[in-house]
Structures are given as C-alpha cells and as structure tokens.
N, C-alpha and C. Protein backbone atom coordinates (compact mmCIF):
# COMPACT_ATOMS: atom_id res chain seq x y z
N MET A 1 83.70 26.42 89.75
CA MET A 1 84.75 25.42 89.67
C MET A 1 86.10 26.11 89.76
N ALA A 2 87.01 25.51 90.49
CA ALA A 2 88.34 26.08 90.68
C ALA A 2 89.15 26.01 89.39
N SER A 3 89.99 27.01 89.20
CA SER A 3 90.86 27.05 88.04
C SER A 3 92.13 26.25 88.32
N ARG A 4 92.65 25.57 87.32
CA ARG A 4 93.90 24.84 87.47
C ARG A 4 95.08 25.70 87.03
N ARG A 5 94.79 26.93 86.66
CA ARG A 5 95.84 27.84 86.21
C ARG A 5 96.59 28.39 87.41
N GLY A 6 97.91 28.45 87.30
CA GLY A 6 98.72 29.01 88.36
C GLY A 6 98.71 30.52 88.31
N PRO A 7 99.32 31.17 89.31
CA PRO A 7 99.43 32.63 89.31
C PRO A 7 100.27 33.13 88.13
N ASP A 8 100.06 34.39 87.76
CA ASP A 8 100.87 34.99 86.69
C ASP A 8 102.36 34.82 87.00
N ASN A 9 103.14 34.57 85.96
CA ASN A 9 104.59 34.37 86.04
C ASN A 9 104.99 33.19 86.92
N SER A 10 104.11 32.20 87.04
CA SER A 10 104.47 30.94 87.70
C SER A 10 104.53 29.86 86.62
N ALA A 11 105.19 28.77 86.94
CA ALA A 11 105.30 27.68 85.97
C ALA A 11 105.17 26.33 86.66
N ARG A 12 104.61 25.40 85.94
CA ARG A 12 104.57 24.00 86.34
C ARG A 12 105.63 23.29 85.51
N VAL A 13 106.54 22.60 86.18
CA VAL A 13 107.65 21.94 85.50
C VAL A 13 107.60 20.45 85.83
N ALA A 14 107.63 19.61 84.82
CA ALA A 14 107.61 18.16 85.01
C ALA A 14 108.86 17.56 84.38
N ILE A 15 109.62 16.83 85.19
CA ILE A 15 110.76 16.07 84.71
C ILE A 15 110.28 14.62 84.63
N SER A 16 110.45 13.98 83.49
CA SER A 16 109.94 12.62 83.35
C SER A 16 111.00 11.67 82.84
N GLY A 17 110.74 10.39 83.07
CA GLY A 17 111.66 9.37 82.63
C GLY A 17 111.03 7.99 82.74
N THR A 18 111.86 6.97 82.67
CA THR A 18 111.40 5.60 82.81
C THR A 18 112.28 4.87 83.82
N SER A 19 111.70 3.88 84.46
CA SER A 19 112.43 3.01 85.38
C SER A 19 111.84 1.62 85.26
N ASN A 20 112.67 0.67 84.86
CA ASN A 20 112.19 -0.71 84.67
C ASN A 20 110.95 -0.73 83.77
N SER A 21 111.02 -0.01 82.67
CA SER A 21 109.95 0.06 81.66
C SER A 21 108.67 0.71 82.17
N ARG A 22 108.74 1.44 83.26
CA ARG A 22 107.58 2.18 83.79
C ARG A 22 107.90 3.66 83.75
N ASN A 23 106.89 4.46 83.50
CA ASN A 23 107.06 5.91 83.46
C ASN A 23 107.06 6.50 84.87
N TRP A 24 107.83 7.56 85.06
CA TRP A 24 107.81 8.32 86.31
C TRP A 24 107.90 9.81 85.96
N ALA A 25 107.49 10.64 86.91
CA ALA A 25 107.60 12.09 86.73
C ALA A 25 107.72 12.76 88.08
N ASN A 26 108.51 13.81 88.13
CA ASN A 26 108.59 14.70 89.29
C ASN A 26 108.07 16.05 88.83
N VAL A 27 107.11 16.61 89.58
CA VAL A 27 106.49 17.88 89.21
C VAL A 27 106.89 18.95 90.23
N PHE A 28 107.27 20.10 89.72
CA PHE A 28 107.66 21.23 90.54
C PHE A 28 106.84 22.45 90.12
N HIS A 29 106.65 23.37 91.04
CA HIS A 29 105.98 24.64 90.73
C HIS A 29 106.93 25.75 91.15
N VAL A 30 107.12 26.71 90.26
CA VAL A 30 108.03 27.82 90.53
C VAL A 30 107.32 29.15 90.29
N GLN A 31 107.78 30.17 90.99
CA GLN A 31 107.26 31.52 90.80
C GLN A 31 108.42 32.42 90.39
N PHE A 32 108.29 33.07 89.25
CA PHE A 32 109.33 33.98 88.76
C PHE A 32 109.07 35.39 89.27
N THR A 33 110.13 36.08 89.64
CA THR A 33 110.05 37.49 89.99
C THR A 33 110.66 38.25 88.83
N THR A 34 109.84 39.05 88.16
CA THR A 34 110.31 39.76 86.98
C THR A 34 109.55 41.07 86.81
N SER A 35 110.20 42.04 86.22
CA SER A 35 109.52 43.31 85.94
C SER A 35 109.16 43.42 84.46
N SER A 36 109.48 42.39 83.69
CA SER A 36 109.15 42.40 82.27
C SER A 36 108.53 41.06 81.89
N SER A 37 108.03 40.97 80.68
CA SER A 37 107.41 39.72 80.24
C SER A 37 108.49 38.68 79.94
N ILE A 38 108.13 37.43 80.12
CA ILE A 38 109.04 36.31 79.88
C ILE A 38 108.77 35.79 78.47
N SER A 39 109.80 35.76 77.64
CA SER A 39 109.64 35.32 76.24
C SER A 39 109.77 33.81 76.12
N GLN A 40 109.39 33.29 74.98
CA GLN A 40 109.55 31.86 74.72
C GLN A 40 111.01 31.46 74.82
N ALA A 41 111.90 32.27 74.27
CA ALA A 41 113.33 31.97 74.33
C ALA A 41 113.83 31.94 75.78
N ASP A 42 113.33 32.87 76.61
CA ASP A 42 113.70 32.88 78.03
C ASP A 42 113.26 31.59 78.71
N LEU A 43 112.02 31.17 78.45
CA LEU A 43 111.50 29.94 79.05
C LEU A 43 112.29 28.73 78.59
N ASP A 44 112.59 28.66 77.30
CA ASP A 44 113.36 27.53 76.77
C ASP A 44 114.74 27.44 77.43
N THR A 45 115.41 28.56 77.56
CA THR A 45 116.74 28.60 78.18
C THR A 45 116.66 28.20 79.64
N TRP A 46 115.66 28.74 80.35
CA TRP A 46 115.50 28.42 81.76
C TRP A 46 115.20 26.94 81.96
N LEU A 47 114.32 26.36 81.13
CA LEU A 47 113.96 24.95 81.28
C LEU A 47 115.17 24.06 81.03
N THR A 48 115.98 24.36 80.05
CA THR A 48 117.19 23.57 79.80
C THR A 48 118.11 23.60 81.01
N ALA A 49 118.28 24.77 81.60
CA ALA A 49 119.12 24.90 82.80
C ALA A 49 118.51 24.13 83.97
N PHE A 50 117.18 24.17 84.13
CA PHE A 50 116.50 23.44 85.21
C PHE A 50 116.71 21.94 85.03
N CYS A 51 116.54 21.43 83.82
CA CYS A 51 116.73 20.00 83.54
C CYS A 51 118.16 19.58 83.84
N ASN A 52 119.12 20.38 83.42
CA ASN A 52 120.53 20.07 83.69
C ASN A 52 120.81 20.05 85.19
N GLN A 53 120.24 20.99 85.92
CA GLN A 53 120.45 21.03 87.37
C GLN A 53 119.78 19.85 88.05
N TYR A 54 118.61 19.44 87.58
CA TYR A 54 117.93 18.27 88.13
C TYR A 54 118.85 17.05 88.02
N LYS A 55 119.41 16.85 86.82
CA LYS A 55 120.31 15.71 86.62
C LYS A 55 121.54 15.82 87.51
N THR A 56 122.13 17.00 87.61
CA THR A 56 123.31 17.20 88.46
C THR A 56 122.99 16.88 89.92
N SER A 57 121.83 17.32 90.38
CA SER A 57 121.46 17.15 91.79
C SER A 57 121.01 15.74 92.13
N PHE A 58 120.31 15.06 91.21
CA PHE A 58 119.66 13.81 91.59
C PHE A 58 120.18 12.55 90.90
N ALA A 59 120.90 12.65 89.80
CA ALA A 59 121.34 11.44 89.09
C ALA A 59 122.17 10.52 89.99
N GLY A 60 122.99 11.08 90.85
CA GLY A 60 123.82 10.28 91.74
C GLY A 60 123.03 9.54 92.81
N GLN A 61 121.77 9.93 93.02
CA GLN A 61 120.90 9.27 93.99
C GLN A 61 120.03 8.19 93.35
N LEU A 62 120.02 8.13 92.02
CA LEU A 62 119.17 7.20 91.30
C LEU A 62 120.01 6.06 90.71
N SER A 63 119.41 4.89 90.61
CA SER A 63 120.12 3.77 90.01
C SER A 63 120.14 3.93 88.48
N PRO A 64 121.00 3.18 87.80
CA PRO A 64 121.05 3.26 86.34
C PRO A 64 119.75 2.84 85.65
N SER A 65 118.83 2.21 86.38
CA SER A 65 117.55 1.84 85.78
C SER A 65 116.62 3.04 85.60
N ALA A 66 116.97 4.18 86.18
CA ALA A 66 116.16 5.39 86.04
C ALA A 66 116.71 6.23 84.90
N GLY A 67 116.02 6.22 83.78
CA GLY A 67 116.43 6.99 82.62
C GLY A 67 115.65 8.29 82.52
N PHE A 68 116.31 9.33 82.03
CA PHE A 68 115.67 10.63 81.85
C PHE A 68 115.12 10.73 80.43
N VAL A 69 113.91 11.30 80.27
CA VAL A 69 113.29 11.44 78.96
C VAL A 69 113.17 12.91 78.56
N ASN A 70 112.46 13.72 79.38
CA ASN A 70 112.36 15.14 79.04
C ASN A 70 111.87 15.97 80.21
N GLY A 71 111.94 17.26 80.01
CA GLY A 71 111.38 18.22 80.94
C GLY A 71 110.36 19.06 80.19
N LYS A 72 109.25 19.36 80.83
CA LYS A 72 108.21 20.18 80.22
C LYS A 72 107.85 21.30 81.19
N ALA A 73 107.70 22.50 80.65
CA ALA A 73 107.31 23.65 81.47
C ALA A 73 106.09 24.32 80.87
N THR A 74 105.16 24.69 81.73
CA THR A 74 104.01 25.49 81.34
C THR A 74 104.07 26.78 82.16
N LEU A 75 104.28 27.89 81.49
CA LEU A 75 104.38 29.20 82.13
C LEU A 75 103.06 29.93 81.98
N TYR A 76 102.52 30.42 83.09
CA TYR A 76 101.27 31.18 83.09
C TYR A 76 101.63 32.67 83.02
N THR A 77 101.34 33.28 81.88
CA THR A 77 101.72 34.67 81.66
C THR A 77 100.59 35.61 82.07
N PRO A 78 100.93 36.87 82.38
CA PRO A 78 99.89 37.85 82.73
C PRO A 78 98.87 37.99 81.60
N GLY A 79 97.63 38.21 81.98
CA GLY A 79 96.56 38.37 80.99
C GLY A 79 95.92 37.06 80.58
N GLY A 80 96.27 35.96 81.25
CA GLY A 80 95.64 34.68 80.96
C GLY A 80 96.34 33.82 79.93
N GLY A 81 97.50 34.25 79.46
CA GLY A 81 98.22 33.49 78.45
C GLY A 81 99.03 32.34 79.03
N VAL A 82 99.53 31.50 78.14
CA VAL A 82 100.34 30.34 78.52
C VAL A 82 101.46 30.17 77.50
N LEU A 83 102.66 29.90 77.99
CA LEU A 83 103.78 29.48 77.14
C LEU A 83 104.18 28.08 77.56
N GLN A 84 104.54 27.24 76.58
CA GLN A 84 104.99 25.89 76.90
C GLN A 84 106.34 25.63 76.26
N SER A 85 107.13 24.81 76.95
CA SER A 85 108.46 24.46 76.48
C SER A 85 108.73 23.00 76.80
N VAL A 86 109.47 22.34 75.93
CA VAL A 86 109.89 20.95 76.15
C VAL A 86 111.39 20.88 75.90
N SER A 87 112.09 20.20 76.80
CA SER A 87 113.53 20.02 76.67
C SER A 87 113.84 18.53 76.77
N ALA A 88 114.42 17.97 75.72
CA ALA A 88 114.78 16.55 75.73
C ALA A 88 115.92 16.31 76.71
N MET A 89 115.84 15.19 77.41
CA MET A 89 116.89 14.82 78.37
C MET A 89 117.43 13.45 77.98
N THR A 90 118.69 13.23 78.26
CA THR A 90 119.31 11.93 78.01
C THR A 90 120.02 11.47 79.27
N GLY A 91 120.44 10.23 79.26
CA GLY A 91 121.20 9.71 80.38
C GLY A 91 120.34 8.98 81.38
N ALA A 92 120.99 8.56 82.45
CA ALA A 92 120.33 7.78 83.49
C ALA A 92 121.01 8.05 84.82
N GLY A 93 120.43 7.48 85.87
CA GLY A 93 121.03 7.60 87.18
C GLY A 93 122.40 6.96 87.23
N SER A 94 123.19 7.35 88.21
CA SER A 94 124.55 6.82 88.34
C SER A 94 124.84 6.36 89.76
N GLY A 95 123.78 6.07 90.52
CA GLY A 95 123.93 5.81 91.94
C GLY A 95 124.05 4.37 92.36
N GLY A 96 124.71 3.55 91.60
CA GLY A 96 124.95 2.20 92.09
C GLY A 96 124.14 1.15 91.37
N THR A 97 123.86 0.07 92.07
CA THR A 97 123.24 -1.10 91.47
C THR A 97 121.82 -0.81 90.99
N ILE A 98 121.38 -1.58 90.03
CA ILE A 98 120.05 -1.40 89.45
C ILE A 98 118.98 -1.91 90.41
N VAL A 99 117.91 -1.16 90.54
CA VAL A 99 116.76 -1.56 91.35
C VAL A 99 115.93 -2.55 90.55
N GLN A 100 115.53 -3.63 91.19
CA GLN A 100 114.81 -4.69 90.49
C GLN A 100 113.33 -4.42 90.32
N ASP A 101 112.74 -3.56 91.13
CA ASP A 101 111.32 -3.25 90.98
C ASP A 101 111.06 -1.79 91.35
N ASN A 102 109.82 -1.39 91.21
CA ASN A 102 109.45 0.01 91.44
C ASN A 102 108.66 0.19 92.73
N SER A 103 108.86 -0.68 93.71
CA SER A 103 108.03 -0.64 94.91
C SER A 103 108.56 0.31 96.00
N ALA A 104 109.71 0.92 95.79
CA ALA A 104 110.27 1.81 96.81
C ALA A 104 110.80 3.08 96.16
N SER A 105 110.78 4.16 96.93
CA SER A 105 111.36 5.41 96.45
C SER A 105 111.87 6.20 97.64
N ALA A 106 112.84 7.06 97.37
CA ALA A 106 113.30 7.99 98.40
C ALA A 106 112.36 9.19 98.38
N VAL A 107 112.18 9.81 99.54
CA VAL A 107 111.26 10.94 99.65
C VAL A 107 112.04 12.17 100.12
N ILE A 108 111.83 13.28 99.43
CA ILE A 108 112.38 14.56 99.84
C ILE A 108 111.21 15.38 100.36
N SER A 109 111.27 15.81 101.61
CA SER A 109 110.27 16.72 102.16
C SER A 109 110.90 18.11 102.14
N TRP A 110 110.35 18.99 101.31
CA TRP A 110 110.91 20.30 101.10
C TRP A 110 110.60 21.22 102.27
N LEU A 111 111.58 22.05 102.63
CA LEU A 111 111.35 23.07 103.65
C LEU A 111 110.48 24.16 103.03
N SER A 112 109.38 24.45 103.68
CA SER A 112 108.45 25.41 103.13
C SER A 112 107.60 26.00 104.25
N THR A 113 107.14 27.20 104.05
CA THR A 113 106.25 27.82 105.03
C THR A 113 104.78 27.66 104.64
N VAL A 114 104.52 26.97 103.54
CA VAL A 114 103.13 26.77 103.11
C VAL A 114 102.65 25.38 103.50
N TYR A 115 101.40 25.30 103.85
CA TYR A 115 100.74 24.04 104.18
C TYR A 115 99.42 23.98 103.43
N TRP A 116 98.95 22.82 103.14
CA TRP A 116 97.62 22.63 102.59
C TRP A 116 97.19 21.21 102.89
N ARG A 117 95.97 20.88 102.52
CA ARG A 117 95.51 19.52 102.77
C ARG A 117 96.50 18.54 102.16
N GLY A 118 96.97 17.63 102.95
CA GLY A 118 97.98 16.69 102.46
C GLY A 118 99.37 17.03 102.94
N GLY A 119 99.55 18.19 103.56
CA GLY A 119 100.85 18.52 104.14
C GLY A 119 101.69 19.46 103.30
N LYS A 120 102.99 19.19 103.29
CA LYS A 120 103.97 20.02 102.59
C LYS A 120 104.38 19.34 101.28
N PRO A 121 105.05 20.10 100.41
CA PRO A 121 105.50 19.50 99.14
C PRO A 121 106.53 18.39 99.37
N ARG A 122 106.41 17.35 98.57
CA ARG A 122 107.34 16.23 98.62
C ARG A 122 107.73 15.83 97.20
N THR A 123 108.91 15.27 97.07
CA THR A 123 109.36 14.70 95.80
C THR A 123 109.75 13.26 96.06
N TYR A 124 109.24 12.36 95.24
CA TYR A 124 109.55 10.94 95.35
C TYR A 124 110.52 10.58 94.23
N LEU A 125 111.72 10.17 94.61
CA LEU A 125 112.74 9.82 93.62
C LEU A 125 112.58 8.37 93.21
N PRO A 126 112.51 8.11 91.92
CA PRO A 126 112.34 6.74 91.44
C PRO A 126 113.66 5.98 91.47
N ALA A 127 113.58 4.67 91.50
CA ALA A 127 114.73 3.79 91.29
C ALA A 127 115.93 4.11 92.16
N ILE A 128 115.72 4.11 93.46
CA ILE A 128 116.87 4.29 94.34
C ILE A 128 117.67 2.99 94.38
N PRO A 129 118.98 3.07 94.52
CA PRO A 129 119.81 1.86 94.47
C PRO A 129 119.49 0.87 95.60
N ASN A 130 119.72 -0.41 95.32
CA ASN A 130 119.45 -1.46 96.30
C ASN A 130 120.14 -1.19 97.63
N ALA A 131 121.36 -0.66 97.62
CA ALA A 131 122.08 -0.40 98.87
C ALA A 131 121.32 0.59 99.74
N ALA A 132 120.67 1.57 99.13
CA ALA A 132 119.90 2.56 99.90
C ALA A 132 118.68 1.90 100.54
N ILE A 133 118.07 0.96 99.85
CA ILE A 133 116.92 0.27 100.40
C ILE A 133 117.35 -0.58 101.59
N GLN A 134 118.46 -1.27 101.46
CA GLN A 134 118.94 -2.15 102.51
C GLN A 134 119.41 -1.37 103.72
N ASN A 135 119.96 -0.16 103.51
CA ASN A 135 120.50 0.63 104.61
C ASN A 135 119.56 1.74 105.08
N ALA A 136 118.40 1.86 104.46
CA ALA A 136 117.40 2.87 104.79
C ALA A 136 117.95 4.30 104.71
N SER A 137 118.89 4.52 103.80
CA SER A 137 119.42 5.87 103.62
C SER A 137 119.88 6.04 102.19
N VAL A 138 119.97 7.31 101.78
CA VAL A 138 120.48 7.61 100.45
C VAL A 138 121.64 8.58 100.62
C-alpha cells in the first residue's frame, strides 16, 4: 500500500474557511531546502507568514462571504517524524459583492514542470464576487 507521507522536509498546508455557511479549504504542498532540522517554532513562524501571505494575495479576489478560519501545516521530518502547527486566521474576502451560492469558483492553474494523473496542480478559490461571474474574469 502506498504511503501518504510526503518526502522529508516537505509539508502539507491547508488554509480553510467558510463561505455561505459551507466549509472550504485550499491545500498546498511545499518542499523546504535546509541543512538543519526544522523546529516547532520554525514551523509555527513559517505557517503564520504563509497564512498572512495567502490573505494578502487572495482576499481581494474573494467576496466578503468567504471567511478565513485557520491554516494547518503538517511537516514530514527526516527519520519518519511529523510536526504539526495550527495558525488561527481572521477576516474575510474584500473583493466586492457577496456571492449568493457556492456553485462557482475561480481556478488557478499553477505553472509547474510536474504532471500526474489528473494534470497539473490547481487551486479553486471560493466565493468569487458576482461581477467576476458575470464578466468571466477576476
């Protein structure tokens, strides 16, 4: 059976929130380049910075109905260990009018040289503003 564990010094990061009383999450995978071990304090600091950057980058693309709840990181350490961190998030999107339902999302197709079954990595942004739906752009 395949392992769900990532490579050493990689992390799974999930940013989660709510939109119109429904839960949403964006999941990212990162690989750290380091010559030393990553401590719990290092992971906590990095996750807080990642969450803040997520809000800076994407809040303006989301409607106010998209609220942020938290970020969670699972770091796979050398030797089979795992470190976990949780960072509380506050606030909501600031990108215009409130979306009335959860039937549409904006899609980011990331530039990457890796492929696998299903294609390339994508991120689906919840609660895009009504104007973006009507104009087919964000």
